[in-house]
């Protein structure tokens, strides 16, 4: 598959379909996130320009039964695998 068929990765992306930052076309391809130089596989949402990612806080759930998220700040890079 060539790079021309892949949509450009946005600055802000979420894997939650309820979020306004969700984009189904991007998830048809395998993407990766580098956070402070290390690849992370547990990222739920990211913003490259603001330099943060959201990851689940262990097994803790919020009132609606969704994983409780924590925001980590640092250097964020998104890429296609």
C-alpha atoms as a PDB file:
ATOM      1  CA  UNK A   1       0.000   0.000   0.000  1.00  0.00           C
ATOM      2  CA  UNK A   2       1.417   3.390  -0.918  1.00  0.00           C
ATOM      3  CA  UNK A   3       1.484   6.502   1.241  1.00  0.00           C
ATOM      4  CA  UNK A   4      -0.744   8.359  -1.247  1.00  0.00           C
ATOM      5  CA  UNK A   5      -3.823   6.322  -0.237  1.00  0.00           C
ATOM      6  CA  UNK A   6      -3.479   7.184   3.451  1.00  0.00           C
ATOM      7  CA  UNK A   7      -5.164  10.316   4.851  1.00  0.00           C
ATOM      8  CA  UNK A   8      -2.882  12.864   6.482  1.00  0.00           C
ATOM      9  CA  UNK A   9      -2.587  12.348  10.250  1.00  0.00           C
ATOM     10  CA  UNK A  10      -4.372  15.164  12.123  1.00  0.00           C
ATOM     11  CA  UNK A  11      -2.853  17.276  14.884  1.00  0.00           C
ATOM     12  CA  UNK A  12      -5.504  16.031  17.356  1.00  0.00           C
ATOM     13  CA  UNK A  13      -7.000  12.528  17.192  1.00  0.00           C
ATOM     14  CA  UNK A  14      -9.120  10.357  19.492  1.00  0.00           C
ATOM     15  CA  UNK A  15     -10.033   6.656  19.252  1.00  0.00           C
ATOM     16  CA  UNK A  16     -13.413   7.311  20.952  1.00  0.00           C
ATOM     17  CA  UNK A  17     -16.204   7.452  18.303  1.00  0.00           C
ATOM     18  CA  UNK A  18     -18.142   9.897  20.542  1.00  0.00           C
ATOM     19  CA  UNK A  19     -15.351  12.484  20.319  1.00  0.00           C
ATOM     20  CA  UNK A  20     -15.340  15.316  17.787  1.00  0.00           C
ATOM     21  CA  UNK A  21     -11.669  14.431  17.153  1.00  0.00           C
ATOM     22  CA  UNK A  22     -12.508  10.893  15.964  1.00  0.00           C
ATOM     23  CA  UNK A  23     -11.801  10.077  12.282  1.00  0.00           C
ATOM     24  CA  UNK A  24     -12.799   6.579  11.108  1.00  0.00           C
ATOM     25  CA  UNK A  25     -10.836   6.833   7.821  1.00  0.00           C
ATOM     26  CA  UNK A  26      -7.539   7.075   9.710  1.00  0.00           C
ATOM     27  CA  UNK A  27      -8.217   3.934  11.764  1.00  0.00           C
ATOM     28  CA  UNK A  28      -8.446   1.852   8.583  1.00  0.00           C
ATOM     29  CA  UNK A  29      -4.620   2.033   8.690  1.00  0.00           C
ATOM     30  CA  UNK A  30      -2.238   0.995  11.473  1.00  0.00           C
ATOM     31  CA  UNK A  31      -0.907   4.092  13.269  1.00  0.00           C
ATOM     32  CA  UNK A  32       1.663   4.487  16.013  1.00  0.00           C
ATOM     33  CA  UNK A  33       2.435   7.153  18.599  1.00  0.00           C
ATOM     34  CA  UNK A  34       5.909   8.097  19.789  1.00  0.00           C
ATOM     35  CA  UNK A  35       5.828   9.816  23.185  1.00  0.00           C
ATOM     36  CA  UNK A  36       9.164  11.252  24.342  1.00  0.00           C
ATOM     37  CA  UNK A  37      10.938   8.959  21.877  1.00  0.00           C
ATOM     38  CA  UNK A  38       9.215   5.713  22.947  1.00  0.00           C
ATOM     39  CA  UNK A  39       6.347   4.005  21.137  1.00  0.00           C
ATOM     40  CA  UNK A  40       3.140   3.807  23.189  1.00  0.00           C
ATOM     41  CA  UNK A  41       0.359   1.305  22.489  1.00  0.00           C
ATOM     42  CA  UNK A  42      -2.147   2.549  25.095  1.00  0.00           C
ATOM     43  CA  UNK A  43      -2.841   6.061  23.747  1.00  0.00           C
ATOM     44  CA  UNK A  44      -6.557   6.957  23.611  1.00  0.00           C
ATOM     45  CA  UNK A  45      -6.147  10.553  22.387  1.00  0.00           C
ATOM     46  CA  UNK A  46      -3.266  12.809  21.386  1.00  0.00           C
ATOM     47  CA  UNK A  47      -2.474  16.376  20.361  1.00  0.00           C
ATOM     48  CA  UNK A  48       0.855  16.994  18.618  1.00  0.00           C
ATOM     49  CA  UNK A  49       0.819  20.827  18.726  1.00  0.00           C
ATOM     50  CA  UNK A  50      -0.033  20.992  22.458  1.00  0.00           C
ATOM     51  CA  UNK A  51       2.294  18.060  23.305  1.00  0.00           C
ATOM     52  CA  UNK A  52       0.053  15.680  25.259  1.00  0.00           C
ATOM     53  CA  UNK A  53      -1.475  12.201  25.177  1.00  0.00           C
ATOM     54  CA  UNK A  54      -4.313  10.669  27.175  1.00  0.00           C
ATOM     55  CA  UNK A  55      -3.891   7.128  28.484  1.00  0.00           C
ATOM     56  CA  UNK A  56      -6.038   4.958  30.809  1.00  0.00           C
ATOM     57  CA  UNK A  57      -5.222   5.247  34.522  1.00  0.00           C
ATOM     58  CA  UNK A  58      -4.903   1.534  35.248  1.00  0.00           C
ATOM     59  CA  UNK A  59      -8.261  -0.244  35.561  1.00  0.00           C
ATOM     60  CA  UNK A  60     -10.068   2.709  37.143  1.00  0.00           C
ATOM     61  CA  UNK A  61     -13.445   3.572  35.592  1.00  0.00           C
ATOM     62  CA  UNK A  62     -15.399   6.829  35.660  1.00  0.00           C
ATOM     63  CA  UNK A  63     -19.124   7.184  36.538  1.00  0.00           C
ATOM     64  CA  UNK A  64     -20.166   6.145  33.018  1.00  0.00           C
ATOM     65  CA  UNK A  65     -18.059   2.969  33.052  1.00  0.00           C
ATOM     66  CA  UNK A  66     -15.383   4.398  30.749  1.00  0.00           C
ATOM     67  CA  UNK A  67     -11.667   4.138  31.620  1.00  0.00           C
ATOM     68  CA  UNK A  68     -10.400   7.088  33.661  1.00  0.00           C
ATOM     69  CA  UNK A  69      -7.868   9.022  31.553  1.00  0.00           C
ATOM     70  CA  UNK A  70      -4.719  10.812  32.609  1.00  0.00           C
ATOM     71  CA  UNK A  71      -2.978  13.431  30.471  1.00  0.00           C
ATOM     72  CA  UNK A  72       0.777  13.133  30.006  1.00  0.00           C
ATOM     73  CA  UNK A  73       2.756  16.052  28.577  1.00  0.00           C
ATOM     74  CA  UNK A  74       5.814  15.658  26.374  1.00  0.00           C
ATOM     75  CA  UNK A  75       6.942  15.340  22.769  1.00  0.00           C
ATOM     76  CA  UNK A  76       4.284  13.591  20.641  1.00  0.00           C
ATOM     77  CA  UNK A  77       4.795  12.151  17.139  1.00  0.00           C
ATOM     78  CA  UNK A  78       2.161  10.249  15.164  1.00  0.00           C
ATOM     79  CA  UNK A  79       3.089   7.966  12.250  1.00  0.00           C
ATOM     80  CA  UNK A  80       1.778   5.187  10.041  1.00  0.00           C
ATOM     81  CA  UNK A  81       3.273   1.753  10.715  1.00  0.00           C
END
